[in-house]
């Protein structure tokens, strides 16, 4: 403390303190630094991937990137469901985006999905028509539209994305 003031970014807990007070202060600090939303961006075109990630990160959204379906599944498993939205390119090199989405949903049923496609997605829309956790965006992305869709889908808490096995163990 300097003249009764704390430096920016410094938090204080006065002595004596209880373990409950310390735990509450730590929880507040951890929650304050948690991003508002966490996205898994699955896009094989590097330029589109970089631009979308930069746009989302500049808005305070944490982004993990992947170029293939196999890598995306591995990352999702490693992140243990701590993902709010998966942005999935329909035309991935190792499998179609809707197949990847089904695999992701088998692991984390509450995961929100944002399908990105430059082609007509009529059949895909019909497949997910009754799912309010699915949205679509055309490519190339309009930055504001991408942010709006992601923010809309991030409205649900991450805990919903945990698999039943993870929920039971938590």
N, C-alpha and C. Protein backbone atom coordinates (compact mmCIF):
# COMPACT_ATOMS: atom_id res chain seq x y z
N UNK A 1 0.84 -1.18 0.00
CA UNK A 1 0.00 0.00 0.00
C UNK A 1 0.88 1.24 0.00
N UNK A 2 0.45 2.21 -0.74
CA UNK A 2 1.15 3.48 -0.84
C UNK A 2 0.17 4.60 -0.51
N UNK A 3 0.37 5.23 0.64
CA UNK A 3 -0.53 6.30 1.09
C UNK A 3 -1.98 5.82 1.13
N UNK A 4 -2.17 4.59 1.60
CA UNK A 4 -3.51 4.04 1.72
C UNK A 4 -4.13 3.55 0.42
N UNK A 5 -3.36 3.50 -0.65
CA UNK A 5 -3.87 3.04 -1.95
C UNK A 5 -3.11 1.81 -2.42
N UNK A 6 -3.82 0.95 -3.10
CA UNK A 6 -3.21 -0.24 -3.69
C UNK A 6 -2.80 0.06 -5.12
N UNK A 7 -1.74 -0.59 -5.54
CA UNK A 7 -1.34 -0.50 -6.95
C UNK A 7 -2.41 -1.16 -7.81
N UNK A 8 -2.57 -0.73 -9.06
CA UNK A 8 -3.55 -1.36 -9.94
C UNK A 8 -3.31 -2.86 -10.07
N UNK A 9 -4.39 -3.62 -9.98
CA UNK A 9 -4.30 -5.07 -10.11
C UNK A 9 -3.98 -5.79 -8.82
N UNK A 10 -3.73 -5.07 -7.74
CA UNK A 10 -3.41 -5.68 -6.45
C UNK A 10 -4.67 -5.74 -5.60
N UNK A 11 -4.90 -6.89 -4.98
CA UNK A 11 -6.05 -7.08 -4.10
C UNK A 11 -5.55 -7.24 -2.67
N UNK A 12 -6.38 -6.92 -1.71
CA UNK A 12 -5.98 -6.94 -0.31
C UNK A 12 -7.01 -7.71 0.50
N UNK A 13 -6.51 -8.49 1.43
CA UNK A 13 -7.36 -9.11 2.45
C UNK A 13 -6.67 -8.82 3.77
N UNK A 14 -7.44 -8.30 4.70
CA UNK A 14 -6.84 -7.86 5.96
C UNK A 14 -6.75 -9.02 6.94
N UNK A 15 -5.74 -8.95 7.80
CA UNK A 15 -5.56 -9.94 8.86
C UNK A 15 -6.29 -9.46 10.09
N UNK A 16 -6.75 -10.31 10.92
CA UNK A 16 -6.87 -11.76 10.70
C UNK A 16 -8.03 -12.04 9.75
N UNK A 17 -7.90 -13.12 9.02
CA UNK A 17 -8.96 -13.52 8.11
C UNK A 17 -9.26 -14.99 8.32
N UNK A 18 -10.47 -15.38 7.96
CA UNK A 18 -10.87 -16.78 8.07
C UNK A 18 -10.57 -17.49 6.75
N UNK A 19 -10.54 -18.79 6.80
CA UNK A 19 -10.35 -19.55 5.57
C UNK A 19 -11.51 -19.31 4.60
N UNK A 20 -12.71 -19.13 5.15
CA UNK A 20 -13.86 -18.84 4.29
C UNK A 20 -13.69 -17.50 3.57
N UNK A 21 -13.19 -16.50 4.29
CA UNK A 21 -12.97 -15.18 3.67
C UNK A 21 -11.87 -15.27 2.61
N UNK A 22 -10.82 -16.03 2.89
CA UNK A 22 -9.75 -16.21 1.91
C UNK A 22 -10.26 -16.95 0.68
N UNK A 23 -11.04 -18.00 0.89
CA UNK A 23 -11.59 -18.75 -0.23
C UNK A 23 -12.51 -17.87 -1.07
N UNK A 24 -13.34 -17.05 -0.42
CA UNK A 24 -14.24 -16.16 -1.15
C UNK A 24 -13.45 -15.13 -1.97
N UNK A 25 -12.38 -14.59 -1.40
CA UNK A 25 -11.56 -13.61 -2.10
C UNK A 25 -10.89 -14.26 -3.32
N UNK A 26 -10.36 -15.47 -3.15
CA UNK A 26 -9.73 -16.18 -4.26
C UNK A 26 -10.74 -16.48 -5.36
N UNK A 27 -11.95 -16.90 -4.98
CA UNK A 27 -13.00 -17.18 -5.97
C UNK A 27 -13.33 -15.92 -6.75
N UNK A 28 -13.43 -14.78 -6.05
CA UNK A 28 -13.71 -13.51 -6.73
C UNK A 28 -12.61 -13.17 -7.73
N UNK A 29 -11.35 -13.39 -7.34
CA UNK A 29 -10.23 -13.10 -8.24
C UNK A 29 -10.23 -14.01 -9.45
N UNK A 30 -10.48 -15.29 -9.23
CA UNK A 30 -10.51 -16.24 -10.35
C UNK A 30 -11.66 -15.94 -11.29
N UNK A 31 -12.83 -15.62 -10.74
CA UNK A 31 -13.98 -15.32 -11.58
C UNK A 31 -13.80 -14.03 -12.36
N UNK A 32 -13.10 -13.07 -11.78
CA UNK A 32 -12.89 -11.79 -12.46
C UNK A 32 -12.00 -11.95 -13.69
N UNK A 33 -11.14 -12.94 -13.70
CA UNK A 33 -10.22 -13.12 -14.82
C UNK A 33 -10.69 -14.19 -15.81
N UNK A 34 -11.83 -14.77 -15.56
CA UNK A 34 -12.38 -15.78 -16.47
C UNK A 34 -13.01 -15.07 -17.66
N UNK A 35 -12.68 -15.51 -18.86
CA UNK A 35 -13.28 -14.86 -20.03
C UNK A 35 -14.79 -15.07 -20.04
N UNK A 36 -15.47 -14.12 -20.63
CA UNK A 36 -16.93 -14.19 -20.69
C UNK A 36 -17.40 -15.38 -21.51
N UNK A 37 -16.57 -15.81 -22.44
CA UNK A 37 -16.97 -16.88 -23.34
C UNK A 37 -15.71 -17.58 -23.86
N UNK A 38 -15.82 -18.88 -24.05
CA UNK A 38 -14.71 -19.66 -24.60
C UNK A 38 -15.19 -20.39 -25.84
N UNK A 39 -14.44 -20.23 -26.92
CA UNK A 39 -14.83 -20.75 -28.23
C UNK A 39 -13.78 -21.71 -28.75
N UNK A 40 -14.24 -22.79 -29.37
CA UNK A 40 -13.38 -23.69 -30.13
C UNK A 40 -13.68 -23.43 -31.59
N UNK A 41 -12.72 -22.85 -32.30
CA UNK A 41 -12.88 -22.48 -33.71
C UNK A 41 -12.25 -23.57 -34.56
N UNK A 42 -13.07 -24.26 -35.34
CA UNK A 42 -12.61 -25.35 -36.19
C UNK A 42 -12.70 -24.88 -37.64
N UNK A 43 -11.57 -24.47 -38.18
CA UNK A 43 -11.51 -23.87 -39.51
C UNK A 43 -10.19 -24.27 -40.15
N UNK A 44 -10.25 -24.85 -41.38
CA UNK A 44 -9.03 -25.31 -42.03
C UNK A 44 -8.36 -24.24 -42.90
N UNK A 45 -9.06 -23.18 -43.24
CA UNK A 45 -8.45 -22.10 -44.01
C UNK A 45 -7.76 -21.14 -43.04
N UNK A 46 -6.43 -21.13 -43.09
CA UNK A 46 -5.63 -20.41 -42.10
C UNK A 46 -5.98 -18.93 -42.02
N UNK A 47 -6.14 -18.27 -43.15
CA UNK A 47 -6.44 -16.84 -43.13
C UNK A 47 -7.77 -16.56 -42.45
N UNK A 48 -8.78 -17.34 -42.78
CA UNK A 48 -10.09 -17.18 -42.14
C UNK A 48 -9.98 -17.48 -40.65
N UNK A 49 -9.24 -18.53 -40.31
CA UNK A 49 -9.03 -18.90 -38.92
C UNK A 49 -8.39 -17.75 -38.14
N UNK A 50 -7.33 -17.16 -38.70
CA UNK A 50 -6.62 -16.07 -38.02
C UNK A 50 -7.51 -14.85 -37.86
N UNK A 51 -8.23 -14.48 -38.90
CA UNK A 51 -9.08 -13.30 -38.84
C UNK A 51 -10.23 -13.48 -37.83
N UNK A 52 -10.86 -14.64 -37.86
CA UNK A 52 -11.96 -14.89 -36.92
C UNK A 52 -11.45 -14.92 -35.48
N UNK A 53 -10.33 -15.59 -35.24
CA UNK A 53 -9.77 -15.65 -33.89
C UNK A 53 -9.40 -14.26 -33.39
N UNK A 54 -8.79 -13.47 -34.24
CA UNK A 54 -8.41 -12.11 -33.85
C UNK A 54 -9.64 -11.27 -33.51
N UNK A 55 -10.66 -11.38 -34.32
CA UNK A 55 -11.90 -10.63 -34.08
C UNK A 55 -12.52 -11.02 -32.73
N UNK A 56 -12.60 -12.30 -32.47
CA UNK A 56 -13.21 -12.77 -31.22
C UNK A 56 -12.35 -12.39 -30.01
N UNK A 57 -11.05 -12.58 -30.12
CA UNK A 57 -10.16 -12.26 -29.01
C UNK A 57 -10.18 -10.77 -28.69
N UNK A 58 -10.29 -9.93 -29.71
CA UNK A 58 -10.33 -8.49 -29.46
C UNK A 58 -11.61 -8.09 -28.72
N UNK A 59 -12.62 -8.94 -28.74
CA UNK A 59 -13.87 -8.71 -28.02
C UNK A 59 -13.86 -9.37 -26.64
N UNK A 60 -12.71 -9.92 -26.22
CA UNK A 60 -12.59 -10.54 -24.91
C UNK A 60 -13.02 -11.99 -24.84
N UNK A 61 -13.15 -12.62 -25.98
CA UNK A 61 -13.56 -14.02 -26.04
C UNK A 61 -12.31 -14.89 -26.17
N UNK A 62 -12.21 -15.91 -25.35
CA UNK A 62 -11.07 -16.82 -25.41
C UNK A 62 -11.29 -17.80 -26.54
N UNK A 63 -10.27 -17.98 -27.38
CA UNK A 63 -10.41 -18.80 -28.58
C UNK A 63 -9.33 -19.88 -28.62
N UNK A 64 -9.75 -21.10 -28.85
CA UNK A 64 -8.86 -22.22 -29.17
C UNK A 64 -9.10 -22.52 -30.64
N UNK A 65 -8.04 -22.76 -31.39
CA UNK A 65 -8.21 -23.02 -32.82
C UNK A 65 -7.77 -24.43 -33.18
N UNK A 66 -8.42 -24.94 -34.22
CA UNK A 66 -8.12 -26.26 -34.73
C UNK A 66 -8.38 -26.25 -36.23
N UNK A 67 -7.59 -27.04 -36.96
CA UNK A 67 -7.74 -27.10 -38.42
C UNK A 67 -8.40 -28.37 -38.92
N UNK A 68 -8.54 -29.36 -38.05
CA UNK A 68 -9.14 -30.63 -38.44
C UNK A 68 -10.15 -31.10 -37.40
N UNK A 69 -11.02 -31.98 -37.82
CA UNK A 69 -12.01 -32.55 -36.91
C UNK A 69 -11.34 -33.38 -35.81
N UNK A 70 -10.34 -34.16 -36.19
CA UNK A 70 -9.65 -35.00 -35.20
C UNK A 70 -9.00 -34.14 -34.13
N UNK A 71 -8.33 -33.07 -34.53
CA UNK A 71 -7.69 -32.19 -33.56
C UNK A 71 -8.73 -31.49 -32.70
N UNK A 72 -9.85 -31.10 -33.29
CA UNK A 72 -10.91 -30.43 -32.54
C UNK A 72 -11.47 -31.34 -31.45
N UNK A 73 -11.70 -32.60 -31.77
CA UNK A 73 -12.19 -33.54 -30.76
C UNK A 73 -11.18 -33.74 -29.64
N UNK A 74 -9.91 -33.84 -30.00
CA UNK A 74 -8.87 -33.99 -28.99
C UNK A 74 -8.83 -32.75 -28.07
N UNK A 75 -8.89 -31.57 -28.65
CA UNK A 75 -8.88 -30.34 -27.85
C UNK A 75 -10.11 -30.26 -26.94
N UNK A 76 -11.26 -30.62 -27.48
CA UNK A 76 -12.49 -30.59 -26.69
C UNK A 76 -12.38 -31.52 -25.49
N UNK A 77 -11.83 -32.70 -25.70
CA UNK A 77 -11.65 -33.64 -24.59
C UNK A 77 -10.66 -33.09 -23.56
N UNK A 78 -9.57 -32.50 -24.03
CA UNK A 78 -8.57 -31.93 -23.12
C UNK A 78 -9.13 -30.76 -22.32
N UNK A 79 -10.05 -30.03 -22.93
CA UNK A 79 -10.65 -28.88 -22.27
C UNK A 79 -11.81 -29.29 -21.34
N UNK A 80 -12.14 -30.56 -21.32
CA UNK A 80 -13.14 -31.15 -20.44
C UNK A 80 -14.47 -30.40 -20.44
N UNK A 81 -14.90 -30.02 -21.63
CA UNK A 81 -16.20 -29.38 -21.75
C UNK A 81 -16.22 -27.91 -21.41
N UNK A 82 -15.08 -27.33 -21.09
CA UNK A 82 -15.02 -25.91 -20.74
C UNK A 82 -15.02 -25.05 -21.99
N UNK A 83 -15.97 -25.31 -22.86
CA UNK A 83 -16.14 -24.58 -24.11
C UNK A 83 -17.61 -24.18 -24.18
N UNK A 84 -17.86 -22.92 -24.54
CA UNK A 84 -19.22 -22.45 -24.65
C UNK A 84 -19.79 -22.68 -26.05
N UNK A 85 -18.96 -22.42 -27.08
CA UNK A 85 -19.42 -22.51 -28.46
C UNK A 85 -18.34 -23.16 -29.31
N UNK A 86 -18.75 -24.06 -30.19
CA UNK A 86 -17.86 -24.60 -31.21
C UNK A 86 -18.29 -23.99 -32.54
N UNK A 87 -17.36 -23.27 -33.17
CA UNK A 87 -17.61 -22.74 -34.51
C UNK A 87 -17.02 -23.75 -35.47
N UNK A 88 -17.85 -24.33 -36.31
CA UNK A 88 -17.44 -25.46 -37.14
C UNK A 88 -17.60 -25.14 -38.61
N UNK A 89 -16.49 -25.21 -39.34
CA UNK A 89 -16.53 -25.11 -40.80
C UNK A 89 -17.13 -26.41 -41.33
N UNK A 90 -18.04 -26.30 -42.27
CA UNK A 90 -18.70 -27.49 -42.81
C UNK A 90 -17.74 -28.34 -43.64
N UNK A 91 -16.82 -27.70 -44.37
CA UNK A 91 -15.92 -28.43 -45.26
C UNK A 91 -14.53 -28.63 -44.67
N UNK A 92 -14.42 -29.51 -43.70
CA UNK A 92 -13.11 -29.81 -43.10
C UNK A 92 -12.41 -30.90 -43.90
N UNK A 93 -11.08 -30.96 -43.83
CA UNK A 93 -10.35 -31.93 -44.66
C UNK A 93 -10.55 -33.39 -44.26
N UNK A 94 -10.82 -33.66 -42.98
CA UNK A 94 -10.89 -35.06 -42.56
C UNK A 94 -12.30 -35.58 -42.30
N UNK A 95 -13.30 -34.72 -42.25
CA UNK A 95 -14.71 -35.15 -42.20
C UNK A 95 -15.61 -33.94 -42.28
N UNK A 96 -16.86 -34.18 -42.56
CA UNK A 96 -17.81 -33.08 -42.70
C UNK A 96 -18.11 -32.47 -41.33
N UNK A 97 -18.41 -31.19 -41.34
CA UNK A 97 -18.68 -30.47 -40.11
C UNK A 97 -19.85 -30.99 -39.32
N UNK A 98 -20.91 -31.45 -40.00
CA UNK A 98 -22.06 -31.97 -39.28
C UNK A 98 -21.74 -33.29 -38.56
N UNK A 99 -20.83 -34.07 -39.14
CA UNK A 99 -20.40 -35.31 -38.48
C UNK A 99 -19.60 -34.96 -37.23
N UNK A 100 -18.70 -33.99 -37.35
CA UNK A 100 -17.93 -33.53 -36.19
C UNK A 100 -18.88 -33.01 -35.11
N UNK A 101 -19.88 -32.24 -35.51
CA UNK A 101 -20.84 -31.71 -34.54
C UNK A 101 -21.54 -32.82 -33.77
N UNK A 102 -21.94 -33.86 -34.46
CA UNK A 102 -22.59 -35.00 -33.80
C UNK A 102 -21.64 -35.67 -32.82
N UNK A 103 -20.38 -35.81 -33.19
CA UNK A 103 -19.39 -36.40 -32.29
C UNK A 103 -19.17 -35.52 -31.06
N UNK A 104 -19.11 -34.21 -31.28
CA UNK A 104 -18.95 -33.29 -30.15
C UNK A 104 -20.15 -33.35 -29.22
N UNK A 105 -21.33 -33.39 -29.80
CA UNK A 105 -22.55 -33.44 -29.00
C UNK A 105 -22.68 -34.76 -28.24
N UNK A 106 -22.10 -35.83 -28.77
CA UNK A 106 -22.15 -37.10 -28.02
C UNK A 106 -21.30 -37.00 -26.76
N UNK A 107 -20.24 -36.18 -26.81
CA UNK A 107 -19.40 -35.96 -25.63
C UNK A 107 -20.00 -34.91 -24.69
N UNK A 108 -20.51 -33.83 -25.25
CA UNK A 108 -21.03 -32.70 -24.48
C UNK A 108 -22.36 -32.26 -25.10
N UNK A 109 -23.46 -32.85 -24.65
CA UNK A 109 -24.76 -32.61 -25.27
C UNK A 109 -25.22 -31.15 -25.27
N UNK A 110 -24.77 -30.34 -24.33
CA UNK A 110 -25.21 -28.96 -24.24
C UNK A 110 -24.36 -27.98 -25.01
N UNK A 111 -23.36 -28.46 -25.71
CA UNK A 111 -22.44 -27.58 -26.43
C UNK A 111 -23.17 -26.81 -27.53
N UNK A 112 -23.00 -25.50 -27.53
CA UNK A 112 -23.59 -24.67 -28.59
C UNK A 112 -22.75 -24.79 -29.85
N UNK A 113 -23.41 -24.82 -30.99
CA UNK A 113 -22.74 -25.00 -32.28
C UNK A 113 -23.05 -23.84 -33.20
N UNK A 114 -22.01 -23.32 -33.84
CA UNK A 114 -22.18 -22.29 -34.87
C UNK A 114 -21.55 -22.84 -36.14
N UNK A 115 -22.39 -23.18 -37.11
CA UNK A 115 -21.90 -23.73 -38.37
C UNK A 115 -21.54 -22.59 -39.31
N UNK A 116 -20.34 -22.67 -39.89
CA UNK A 116 -19.87 -21.68 -40.85
C UNK A 116 -19.79 -22.34 -42.21
N UNK A 117 -20.46 -21.74 -43.17
CA UNK A 117 -20.46 -22.33 -44.50
C UNK A 117 -20.64 -21.27 -45.58
N UNK A 118 -20.02 -21.53 -46.70
CA UNK A 118 -20.20 -20.68 -47.86
C UNK A 118 -21.25 -21.24 -48.80
N UNK A 119 -21.66 -22.45 -48.55
CA UNK A 119 -22.64 -23.14 -49.40
C UNK A 119 -24.02 -23.13 -48.75
N UNK A 120 -24.97 -23.62 -49.45
CA UNK A 120 -26.33 -23.72 -48.92
C UNK A 120 -26.34 -24.74 -47.80
N UNK A 121 -27.00 -24.38 -46.72
CA UNK A 121 -27.03 -25.29 -45.57
C UNK A 121 -28.45 -25.76 -45.26
N UNK A 122 -29.31 -25.83 -46.29
CA UNK A 122 -30.71 -26.20 -46.10
C UNK A 122 -30.90 -27.52 -45.39
N UNK A 123 -30.19 -28.56 -45.84
CA UNK A 123 -30.32 -29.88 -45.21
C UNK A 123 -29.82 -29.84 -43.77
N UNK A 124 -28.71 -29.13 -43.55
CA UNK A 124 -28.15 -29.01 -42.21
C UNK A 124 -29.11 -28.26 -41.28
N UNK A 125 -29.72 -27.20 -41.79
CA UNK A 125 -30.71 -26.46 -40.99
C UNK A 125 -31.89 -27.37 -40.61
N UNK A 126 -32.32 -28.20 -41.54
CA UNK A 126 -33.43 -29.11 -41.23
C UNK A 126 -33.02 -30.12 -40.15
N UNK A 127 -31.79 -30.58 -40.21
CA UNK A 127 -31.30 -31.55 -39.23
C UNK A 127 -31.32 -30.99 -37.82
N UNK A 128 -31.02 -29.69 -37.67
CA UNK A 128 -30.92 -29.06 -36.35
C UNK A 128 -32.04 -28.05 -36.10
N UNK A 129 -33.15 -28.15 -36.82
CA UNK A 129 -34.19 -27.11 -36.76
C UNK A 129 -34.80 -26.94 -35.37
N UNK A 130 -34.85 -27.97 -34.57
CA UNK A 130 -35.47 -27.87 -33.24
C UNK A 130 -34.45 -27.61 -32.13
N UNK A 131 -33.23 -27.28 -32.50
CA UNK A 131 -32.15 -27.10 -31.52
C UNK A 131 -31.83 -25.61 -31.38
N UNK A 132 -32.18 -25.03 -30.23
CA UNK A 132 -31.93 -23.61 -30.02
C UNK A 132 -30.47 -23.30 -29.68
N UNK A 133 -29.64 -24.33 -29.58
CA UNK A 133 -28.21 -24.15 -29.31
C UNK A 133 -27.38 -24.29 -30.59
N UNK A 134 -28.04 -24.12 -31.72
CA UNK A 134 -27.37 -24.20 -33.02
C UNK A 134 -27.70 -22.95 -33.82
N UNK A 135 -26.65 -22.39 -34.45
CA UNK A 135 -26.84 -21.22 -35.32
C UNK A 135 -25.98 -21.40 -36.56
N UNK A 136 -26.21 -20.54 -37.54
CA UNK A 136 -25.49 -20.62 -38.81
C UNK A 136 -24.96 -19.25 -39.16
N UNK A 137 -23.80 -19.23 -39.82
CA UNK A 137 -23.23 -17.99 -40.31
C UNK A 137 -22.58 -18.26 -41.67
N UNK A 138 -22.77 -17.34 -42.58
CA UNK A 138 -22.19 -17.50 -43.91
C UNK A 138 -20.74 -17.06 -43.95
N UNK A 139 -20.02 -17.62 -44.90
CA UNK A 139 -18.63 -17.24 -45.13
C UNK A 139 -18.56 -16.51 -46.45
N UNK A 140 -17.78 -15.49 -46.56
CA UNK A 140 -16.86 -14.97 -45.54
C UNK A 140 -17.64 -14.29 -44.41
N UNK A 141 -17.03 -14.31 -43.20
CA UNK A 141 -17.67 -13.74 -42.03
C UNK A 141 -17.77 -12.22 -42.14
N UNK A 142 -18.86 -11.70 -41.67
CA UNK A 142 -18.99 -10.29 -41.39
C UNK A 142 -18.66 -10.17 -39.91
N UNK A 143 -17.60 -9.44 -39.54
CA UNK A 143 -17.14 -9.44 -38.14
C UNK A 143 -18.24 -9.19 -37.11
N UNK A 144 -19.10 -8.23 -37.33
CA UNK A 144 -20.16 -7.93 -36.36
C UNK A 144 -21.13 -9.10 -36.25
N UNK A 145 -21.44 -9.74 -37.36
CA UNK A 145 -22.36 -10.87 -37.35
C UNK A 145 -21.76 -12.05 -36.58
N UNK A 146 -20.46 -12.29 -36.79
CA UNK A 146 -19.79 -13.37 -36.06
C UNK A 146 -19.85 -13.11 -34.56
N UNK A 147 -19.52 -11.90 -34.14
CA UNK A 147 -19.57 -11.56 -32.71
C UNK A 147 -20.99 -11.69 -32.16
N UNK A 148 -21.97 -11.21 -32.91
CA UNK A 148 -23.36 -11.29 -32.45
C UNK A 148 -23.79 -12.74 -32.24
N UNK A 149 -23.48 -13.60 -33.21
CA UNK A 149 -23.87 -15.02 -33.10
C UNK A 149 -23.18 -15.69 -31.91
N UNK A 150 -21.88 -15.43 -31.75
CA UNK A 150 -21.14 -16.05 -30.64
C UNK A 150 -21.67 -15.55 -29.31
N UNK A 151 -21.89 -14.27 -29.19
CA UNK A 151 -22.42 -13.72 -27.92
C UNK A 151 -23.80 -14.28 -27.62
N UNK A 152 -24.62 -14.44 -28.64
CA UNK A 152 -25.95 -15.01 -28.45
C UNK A 152 -25.85 -16.44 -27.91
N UNK A 153 -24.97 -17.23 -28.49
CA UNK A 153 -24.81 -18.62 -28.07
C UNK A 153 -24.09 -18.74 -26.73
N UNK A 154 -23.29 -17.76 -26.35
CA UNK A 154 -22.56 -17.80 -25.08
C UNK A 154 -23.45 -17.48 -23.89
N UNK A 155 -24.70 -17.20 -24.12
CA UNK A 155 -25.60 -16.85 -23.02
C UNK A 155 -25.77 -17.94 -21.99
N UNK A 156 -25.51 -19.18 -22.36
CA UNK A 156 -25.66 -20.30 -21.43
C UNK A 156 -24.35 -20.56 -20.70
N UNK A 157 -24.39 -20.95 -19.44
CA UNK A 157 -23.16 -21.23 -18.70
C UNK A 157 -22.46 -22.47 -19.21
N UNK A 158 -21.13 -22.47 -19.05
CA UNK A 158 -20.30 -23.59 -19.48
C UNK A 158 -20.67 -24.90 -18.80
N UNK A 159 -21.15 -24.84 -17.57
CA UNK A 159 -21.46 -26.07 -16.83
C UNK A 159 -22.44 -26.95 -17.61
N UNK A 160 -23.27 -26.34 -18.46
CA UNK A 160 -24.23 -27.11 -19.26
C UNK A 160 -23.52 -28.02 -20.25
N UNK A 161 -22.29 -27.72 -20.60
CA UNK A 161 -21.57 -28.48 -21.61
C UNK A 161 -20.89 -29.72 -21.06
N UNK A 162 -20.89 -29.89 -19.77
CA UNK A 162 -20.22 -31.06 -19.21
C UNK A 162 -20.99 -32.32 -19.56
N UNK A 163 -20.24 -33.39 -19.77
CA UNK A 163 -20.89 -34.66 -20.07
C UNK A 163 -21.50 -35.22 -18.78
N UNK A 164 -22.44 -36.14 -18.87
CA UNK A 164 -23.02 -36.73 -17.66
C UNK A 164 -21.96 -37.36 -16.77
N UNK A 165 -20.91 -37.92 -17.36
CA UNK A 165 -19.85 -38.53 -16.56
C UNK A 165 -19.14 -37.45 -15.76
N UNK A 166 -18.83 -36.32 -16.38
CA UNK A 166 -18.16 -35.24 -15.70
C UNK A 166 -19.05 -34.65 -14.62
N UNK A 167 -20.33 -34.50 -14.91
CA UNK A 167 -21.26 -33.94 -13.92
C UNK A 167 -21.31 -34.84 -12.70
N UNK A 168 -21.35 -36.14 -12.90
CA UNK A 168 -21.45 -37.06 -11.77
C UNK A 168 -20.18 -37.02 -10.94
N UNK A 169 -19.04 -36.81 -11.59
CA UNK A 169 -17.78 -36.77 -10.86
C UNK A 169 -17.57 -35.44 -10.18
N UNK A 170 -18.22 -34.37 -10.67
CA UNK A 170 -18.00 -33.03 -10.13
C UNK A 170 -18.63 -32.87 -8.76
